[in-house]
Amino acid sequence: MFIALIRHSFVFWSINLLLLSSTAIIIPNSAHAVTTNNAIKPTSYTDIQALFTTMNYHWDNLHQGVPDIELHSFPTDLANIADIREKKHLFYMSLLPMVLAQNNTIIQQRFTLKQLFQQYDNAGSITSQQQTWLQQLGKQYRCTVSPLKANSVRNKLLNRVNIIPVALVIAQAANESAYGTSRFARMANNIFGEWTFKVGTGLVPLNRSAGQKYEVKKFANLSGSLSSYFNNINHHRAYQKLREIRQQLSVAGIPIDAQKLAEGLVNYSTRRGAYVAEIQSMIRHNRLAKLSVLELRSSQAELAKEQLSKNTADSILHLTELCSRVKAKQLI
């Protein structure tokens, strides 16, 4: 296991760089920051600021790469940051690594999916292992995976297994969670305002109308909220328009644009068009488009790009295999 120890003389912060599960996790050994499920759980926004300073991770040098870190939850004192711009940047930078990681996973899934199509066309079949992987993918995206030769099946899979621009994800998270300060963000790690109709499993909105039974979903951590959001956007019928816009851009070889995709969010809020306009305005005003071209500093991001450049028809690179490759690369 590759371990890097970095000491910051001003904040007395030690950091162990560990490769656990499928993600490189930064674990701070601080009296004020604890870890839960291998993710950072800061008790104050100053913990996050100190970590970012130690890692030379600043809003003005994002082009140098984003550290592969995972935040368990936002500290409850984010609202105490007086400087609005500082609060916004801290929120964006906290979520950015996890959003990039989500999209990297989807890039790998989409690549593998296209390789399966090619293998099926060449050989007329795929292996049992590949079929199992395909079925799991279909379950995740709530999409049929057979008959694999059917263009309708393939098009629907490709329609759903695709990235969501970082700028759009972070703009919605900021809007729905009041930059991580809302009651739902603080008490339920819910940063996208997702509902559940399973009574007793979520938080009851304080202003919920009489007779309503919906609750706001609870998540164990921020990654859970992000994963749920990605799956929701990528499969729910309410966002079919967004996926159609995205697929048209992908087929045309045009970069997937957050502003364009936002047009497909008309059903995300009862405010409909006004909500879409607000998200688009947030992206423009805060110059979030630049976030969509950033990459993780980790070896995993490099391996994902390497895999995309290969042309092996029977290739399936599972996350466990990706993890083992990264470990081997770190030990060299």
Protein backbone atom coordinates (compact mmCIF):
# COMPACT_ATOMS: atom_id res chain seq x y z
CA MET A 1 0.00 0.00 0.00
CA PHE A 2 1.30 3.38 -0.97
CA ILE A 3 1.36 5.81 1.94
CA ALA A 4 2.36 9.42 1.66
CA LEU A 5 2.75 11.52 4.79
CA ILE A 6 2.55 15.27 4.45
CA ARG A 7 3.01 17.64 7.38
CA HIS A 8 1.66 21.17 7.47
CA SER A 9 3.60 23.14 10.09
CA PHE A 10 0.98 25.82 10.56
CA VAL A 11 -2.08 23.69 11.19
CA PHE A 12 -0.30 20.59 12.53
CA TRP A 13 -2.16 18.45 10.01
CA SER A 14 -0.95 15.00 8.99
CA ILE A 15 -2.37 13.27 5.99
CA ASN A 16 -2.16 9.62 5.00
CA LEU A 17 -2.77 8.90 1.34
CA LEU A 18 -4.36 5.46 1.26
CA LEU A 19 -5.78 3.49 -1.61
CA LEU A 20 -8.85 1.75 -0.20
CA SER A 21 -11.71 0.06 -2.03
CA SER A 22 -11.81 1.69 -5.48
CA THR A 23 -10.92 5.22 -4.43
CA ALA A 24 -7.82 6.97 -3.20
CA ILE A 25 -8.91 8.43 0.13
CA ILE A 26 -7.25 11.25 1.98
CA ILE A 27 -7.56 10.65 5.73
CA PRO A 28 -6.60 13.55 7.99
CA ASN A 29 -5.29 12.63 11.44
CA SER A 30 -6.62 15.65 13.25
CA ALA A 31 -8.18 16.18 16.62
CA HIS A 32 -10.97 18.05 14.88
CA ALA A 33 -11.62 15.92 11.81
CA VAL A 34 -12.70 12.29 11.95
CA THR A 35 -13.24 9.67 9.27
CA THR A 36 -16.31 7.57 8.63
CA ASN A 37 -16.39 4.79 6.02
CA ASN A 38 -12.96 5.96 4.78
CA ALA A 39 -14.20 9.47 4.03
CA ILE A 40 -13.39 12.80 5.63
CA LYS A 41 -15.93 14.05 8.15
CA PRO A 42 -14.94 17.60 9.12
CA THR A 43 -16.36 19.18 12.24
CA SER A 44 -15.77 22.70 10.96
CA TYR A 45 -15.27 24.42 7.63
CA THR A 46 -11.78 25.35 8.86
CA ASP A 47 -10.90 21.64 8.70
CA ILE A 48 -11.69 21.64 5.00
CA GLN A 49 -9.80 24.87 4.41
CA ALA A 50 -6.72 23.47 6.16
CA LEU A 51 -6.89 20.26 4.13
CA PHE A 52 -7.18 22.12 0.83
CA THR A 53 -4.26 24.38 1.77
CA THR A 54 -2.12 21.37 2.65
CA MET A 55 -2.92 19.77 -0.70
CA ASN A 56 -2.31 22.97 -2.67
CA TYR A 57 -5.90 22.74 -3.84
CA HIS A 58 -7.21 26.22 -4.63
CA TRP A 59 -9.89 27.73 -6.84
CA ASP A 60 -7.21 29.47 -8.87
CA ASN A 61 -5.15 26.33 -9.63
CA LEU A 62 -7.86 23.80 -10.44
CA HIS A 63 -6.30 23.30 -13.86
CA GLN A 64 -3.41 21.53 -12.12
CA GLY A 65 -5.73 18.67 -11.18
CA VAL A 66 -8.27 17.84 -8.49
CA PRO A 67 -7.25 15.65 -5.52
CA ASP A 68 -9.13 12.36 -5.26
CA ILE A 69 -10.84 12.89 -1.92
CA GLU A 70 -14.24 12.04 -0.50
CA LEU A 71 -16.15 14.16 1.96
CA HIS A 72 -18.51 12.23 4.23
CA SER A 73 -20.66 15.24 5.07
CA PHE A 74 -20.58 19.01 5.22
CA PRO A 75 -19.79 20.61 8.58
CA THR A 76 -22.72 22.32 10.25
CA ASP A 77 -20.98 25.70 10.41
CA LEU A 78 -20.77 26.43 6.66
CA ALA A 79 -23.33 29.20 7.13
CA ASN A 80 -20.84 30.98 9.40
CA ILE A 81 -18.53 31.80 6.48
CA ALA A 82 -19.08 35.53 6.05
CA ASP A 83 -17.52 35.81 2.61
CA ILE A 84 -20.13 34.50 0.16
CA ARG A 85 -17.58 33.87 -2.56
CA GLU A 86 -15.38 31.91 -0.17
CA LYS A 87 -18.36 29.80 0.93
CA LYS A 88 -19.31 29.05 -2.66
CA HIS A 89 -15.79 28.03 -3.64
CA LEU A 90 -15.45 25.78 -0.58
CA PHE A 91 -18.72 24.07 -1.50
CA TYR A 92 -17.78 23.63 -5.16
CA MET A 93 -14.32 22.28 -4.38
CA SER A 94 -15.65 19.88 -1.74
CA LEU A 95 -18.03 18.21 -4.18
CA LEU A 96 -15.85 18.44 -7.27
CA PRO A 97 -13.66 15.35 -6.64
CA MET A 98 -16.69 13.13 -5.99
CA VAL A 99 -18.54 14.35 -9.08
CA LEU A 100 -15.48 13.72 -11.24
CA ALA A 101 -15.18 10.23 -9.74
CA GLN A 102 -18.82 9.49 -10.54
CA ASN A 103 -18.33 10.57 -14.14
CA ASN A 104 -15.11 8.53 -14.44
CA THR A 105 -17.05 5.42 -13.42
CA ILE A 106 -19.70 6.18 -16.04
CA ILE A 107 -17.03 6.76 -18.70
CA GLN A 108 -15.66 3.31 -17.94
CA GLN A 109 -19.14 1.74 -18.06
CA ARG A 110 -19.92 3.40 -21.38
CA PHE A 111 -16.61 2.29 -22.87
CA THR A 112 -17.14 -1.30 -21.75
CA LEU A 113 -20.70 -1.23 -23.09
CA LYS A 114 -19.52 -0.17 -26.55
CA GLN A 115 -16.86 -2.86 -26.49
CA LEU A 116 -19.53 -5.47 -25.75
CA PHE A 117 -21.55 -4.29 -28.71
CA GLN A 118 -18.48 -4.67 -30.90
CA GLN A 119 -17.69 -8.13 -29.57
CA TYR A 120 -21.27 -9.27 -30.08
CA ASP A 121 -21.20 -8.03 -33.67
CA ASN A 122 -17.90 -9.80 -34.32
CA ALA A 123 -18.52 -13.09 -32.50
CA GLY A 124 -22.29 -13.29 -32.19
CA SER A 125 -22.10 -13.70 -28.42
CA ILE A 126 -20.54 -12.46 -25.20
CA THR A 127 -19.15 -14.42 -22.25
CA SER A 128 -21.18 -15.34 -19.17
CA GLN A 129 -19.07 -12.93 -17.11
CA GLN A 130 -19.84 -10.15 -19.55
CA GLN A 131 -23.52 -11.05 -19.52
CA THR A 132 -23.56 -10.81 -15.72
CA TRP A 133 -21.91 -7.39 -15.89
CA LEU A 134 -24.42 -6.28 -18.50
CA GLN A 135 -27.36 -7.41 -16.40
CA GLN A 136 -26.02 -5.53 -13.40
CA LEU A 137 -25.65 -2.44 -15.56
CA GLY A 138 -29.23 -2.80 -16.77
CA LYS A 139 -30.45 -3.10 -13.19
CA GLN A 140 -28.58 0.04 -12.17
CA TYR A 141 -30.00 2.08 -15.05
CA ARG A 142 -33.39 0.30 -15.04
CA CYS A 143 -33.03 -0.64 -18.65
CA THR A 144 -33.51 -3.86 -20.60
CA VAL A 145 -30.29 -5.37 -21.99
CA SER A 146 -31.66 -7.93 -24.41
CA PRO A 147 -31.72 -8.73 -27.20
CA LEU A 148 -28.28 -7.16 -27.41
CA LYS A 149 -28.39 -7.13 -31.20
CA ALA A 150 -31.40 -4.80 -31.21
CA ASN A 151 -30.58 -1.18 -31.99
CA SER A 152 -33.42 -0.04 -29.74
CA VAL A 153 -31.82 -1.80 -26.76
CA ARG A 154 -28.38 -0.39 -27.54
CA ASN A 155 -29.65 3.13 -28.09
CA LYS A 156 -31.55 3.11 -24.83
CA LEU A 157 -28.50 1.90 -22.92
CA LEU A 158 -26.28 4.56 -24.47
CA ASN A 159 -29.00 7.13 -23.79
CA ARG A 160 -28.77 6.36 -20.07
CA VAL A 161 -25.15 5.39 -19.49
CA ASN A 162 -23.55 8.77 -19.97
CA ILE A 163 -21.96 11.52 -17.92
CA ILE A 164 -23.63 14.57 -16.41
CA PRO A 165 -21.58 17.77 -16.77
CA VAL A 166 -19.88 18.75 -13.53
CA ALA A 167 -21.15 22.31 -13.86
CA LEU A 168 -24.76 21.12 -13.94
CA VAL A 169 -24.36 18.72 -11.00
CA ILE A 170 -22.71 21.30 -8.77
CA ALA A 171 -25.10 24.10 -9.73
CA GLN A 172 -28.08 21.93 -8.81
CA ALA A 173 -26.46 20.79 -5.58
CA ALA A 174 -25.76 24.40 -4.61
CA ASN A 175 -29.31 25.43 -5.46
CA GLU A 176 -31.05 22.54 -3.71
CA SER A 177 -28.89 22.56 -0.57
CA ALA A 178 -28.28 26.29 -0.14
CA TYR A 179 -24.57 25.58 -0.56
CA GLY A 180 -24.61 22.76 1.94
CA THR A 181 -26.36 24.73 4.71
CA SER A 182 -29.96 23.51 4.37
CA ARG A 183 -31.61 21.38 7.02
CA PHE A 184 -31.72 18.42 4.64
CA ALA A 185 -28.04 18.74 3.77
CA ARG A 186 -27.04 19.00 7.43
CA MET A 187 -29.30 16.29 8.84
CA ALA A 188 -29.70 13.88 5.92
CA ASN A 189 -26.72 14.42 3.58
CA ASN A 190 -29.36 15.19 0.95
CA ILE A 191 -27.98 17.85 -1.39
CA PHE A 192 -30.40 17.44 -4.30
CA GLY A 193 -33.76 17.59 -2.49
CA GLU A 194 -34.74 14.04 -3.48
CA TRP A 195 -37.95 12.66 -2.01
CA THR A 196 -39.06 9.28 -0.75
CA PHE A 197 -42.59 7.99 -0.22
CA LYS A 198 -41.55 5.30 2.26
CA VAL A 199 -43.04 6.72 5.43
CA GLY A 200 -40.62 6.99 8.33
CA THR A 201 -37.45 6.58 6.30
CA GLY A 202 -36.67 10.24 5.63
CA LEU A 203 -37.01 13.73 7.08
CA VAL A 204 -40.41 15.39 7.12
CA PRO A 205 -40.30 18.84 5.50
CA LEU A 206 -41.31 21.52 7.99
CA ASN A 207 -43.62 23.20 5.47
CA ARG A 208 -45.18 20.01 4.07
CA SER A 209 -48.88 20.44 3.25
CA ALA A 210 -51.50 18.59 5.27
CA GLY A 211 -52.27 15.17 3.83
CA GLN A 212 -48.92 14.84 2.05
CA LYS A 213 -46.81 11.78 2.85
CA TYR A 214 -43.57 12.42 1.03
CA GLU A 215 -40.35 12.80 2.99
CA VAL A 216 -36.86 13.93 2.07
CA LYS A 217 -34.46 11.02 1.60
CA LYS A 218 -31.73 10.33 4.13
CA PHE A 219 -28.29 9.30 2.93
CA ALA A 220 -25.43 7.81 4.91
CA ASN A 221 -23.01 10.21 3.24
CA LEU A 222 -22.67 12.74 0.43
CA SER A 223 -21.55 10.07 -2.03
CA GLY A 224 -24.88 8.32 -1.49
CA SER A 225 -26.74 11.49 -2.40
CA LEU A 226 -24.59 11.97 -5.50
CA SER A 227 -25.05 8.37 -6.66
CA SER A 228 -28.80 8.61 -6.20
CA TYR A 229 -28.92 11.87 -8.16
CA PHE A 230 -26.89 10.43 -11.05
CA ASN A 231 -29.12 7.36 -11.24
CA ASN A 232 -32.24 9.50 -11.02
CA ILE A 233 -31.21 11.80 -13.88
CA ASN A 234 -30.01 8.86 -15.97
CA HIS A 235 -33.12 6.69 -15.77
CA HIS A 236 -36.23 8.57 -14.62
CA ARG A 237 -38.76 9.33 -17.32
CA ALA A 238 -39.05 12.93 -16.06
CA TYR A 239 -35.58 13.65 -17.48
CA GLN A 240 -35.92 11.96 -20.83
CA LYS A 241 -35.59 15.31 -22.57
CA LEU A 242 -32.24 15.91 -20.87
CA ARG A 243 -30.99 12.51 -21.97
CA GLU A 244 -32.17 13.09 -25.53
CA ILE A 245 -30.29 16.39 -25.72
CA ARG A 246 -27.21 14.68 -24.33
CA GLN A 247 -27.43 11.79 -26.77
CA GLN A 248 -27.77 14.15 -29.71
CA LEU A 249 -24.63 15.97 -28.62
CA SER A 250 -22.75 12.70 -28.09
CA VAL A 251 -23.69 11.32 -31.51
CA ALA A 252 -22.64 14.60 -33.13
CA GLY A 253 -19.32 14.52 -31.29
CA ILE A 254 -20.12 17.79 -29.55
CA PRO A 255 -19.03 18.28 -25.91
CA ILE A 256 -21.92 17.77 -23.52
CA ASP A 257 -22.91 21.27 -22.45
CA ALA A 258 -24.37 21.98 -19.01
CA GLN A 259 -26.44 24.92 -20.22
CA LYS A 260 -28.11 22.85 -22.92
CA LEU A 261 -28.77 19.90 -20.63
CA ALA A 262 -30.36 22.19 -18.04
CA GLU A 263 -33.22 22.63 -20.50
CA GLY A 264 -34.16 19.04 -19.69
CA LEU A 265 -34.69 19.80 -15.99
CA VAL A 266 -38.09 21.40 -16.43
CA ASN A 267 -39.66 18.57 -14.38
CA TYR A 268 -37.12 18.74 -11.54
CA SER A 269 -39.02 21.52 -9.77
CA THR A 270 -42.59 22.76 -9.64
CA ARG A 271 -41.10 26.09 -10.75
CA ARG A 272 -40.35 24.43 -14.11
CA GLY A 273 -38.99 27.02 -16.57
CA ALA A 274 -38.04 29.45 -13.81
CA TYR A 275 -35.99 26.71 -12.16
CA VAL A 276 -34.17 25.92 -15.41
CA ALA A 277 -33.38 29.61 -15.92
CA GLU A 278 -32.05 29.88 -12.38
CA ILE A 279 -29.72 26.87 -12.80
CA GLN A 280 -28.44 28.27 -16.09
CA SER A 281 -27.87 31.65 -14.47
CA MET A 282 -25.90 30.04 -11.62
CA ILE A 283 -23.66 28.26 -14.12
CA ARG A 284 -22.98 31.49 -16.00
CA HIS A 285 -22.63 33.83 -13.02
CA ASN A 286 -20.29 31.53 -11.09
CA ARG A 287 -18.34 30.46 -14.18
CA LEU A 288 -18.91 26.80 -13.44
CA ALA A 289 -18.40 25.67 -17.03
CA LYS A 290 -14.66 25.46 -16.38
CA LEU A 291 -15.28 22.66 -13.88
CA SER A 292 -16.44 20.32 -16.63
CA VAL A 293 -12.99 20.10 -18.22
CA LEU A 294 -11.10 19.25 -15.03
CA GLU A 295 -9.57 15.89 -14.11
CA LEU A 296 -8.61 14.05 -10.97
CA ARG A 297 -4.95 13.94 -10.03
CA SER A 298 -5.20 10.24 -9.21
CA SER A 299 -3.81 7.35 -11.21
CA GLN A 300 -7.35 6.03 -11.58
CA ALA A 301 -8.28 8.93 -13.83
CA GLU A 302 -5.20 8.25 -15.93
CA LEU A 303 -6.07 4.57 -16.21
CA ALA A 304 -9.62 5.39 -17.23
CA LYS A 305 -8.29 7.56 -20.06
CA GLU A 306 -5.83 4.84 -21.09
CA GLN A 307 -8.66 2.35 -21.24
CA LEU A 308 -10.72 4.64 -23.46
CA SER A 309 -7.89 4.75 -25.99
CA LYS A 310 -7.68 0.96 -26.31
CA ASN A 311 -9.58 -1.09 -28.82
CA THR A 312 -9.82 -4.56 -27.28
CA ALA A 313 -13.19 -5.98 -28.20
CA ASP A 314 -13.56 -8.31 -25.21
CA SER A 315 -12.30 -5.90 -22.58
CA ILE A 316 -14.14 -5.44 -19.30
CA LEU A 317 -12.33 -3.49 -16.64
CA HIS A 318 -14.22 -3.82 -13.35
CA LEU A 319 -13.59 -1.34 -10.57
CA THR A 320 -11.86 -4.07 -8.55
CA GLU A 321 -9.45 -4.67 -11.41
CA LEU A 322 -9.00 -0.93 -11.87
CA CYS A 323 -8.18 -0.68 -8.16
CA SER A 324 -5.59 -3.46 -8.35
CA ARG A 325 -3.92 -1.80 -11.33
CA VAL A 326 -3.72 1.48 -9.50
CA LYS A 327 -2.20 -0.25 -6.47
CA ALA A 328 0.40 -1.91 -8.64
CA LYS A 329 1.17 1.39 -10.33
CA GLN A 330 1.58 3.14 -6.98
CA LEU A 331 4.04 0.48 -5.79
CA ILE A 332 6.36 0.88 -8.79
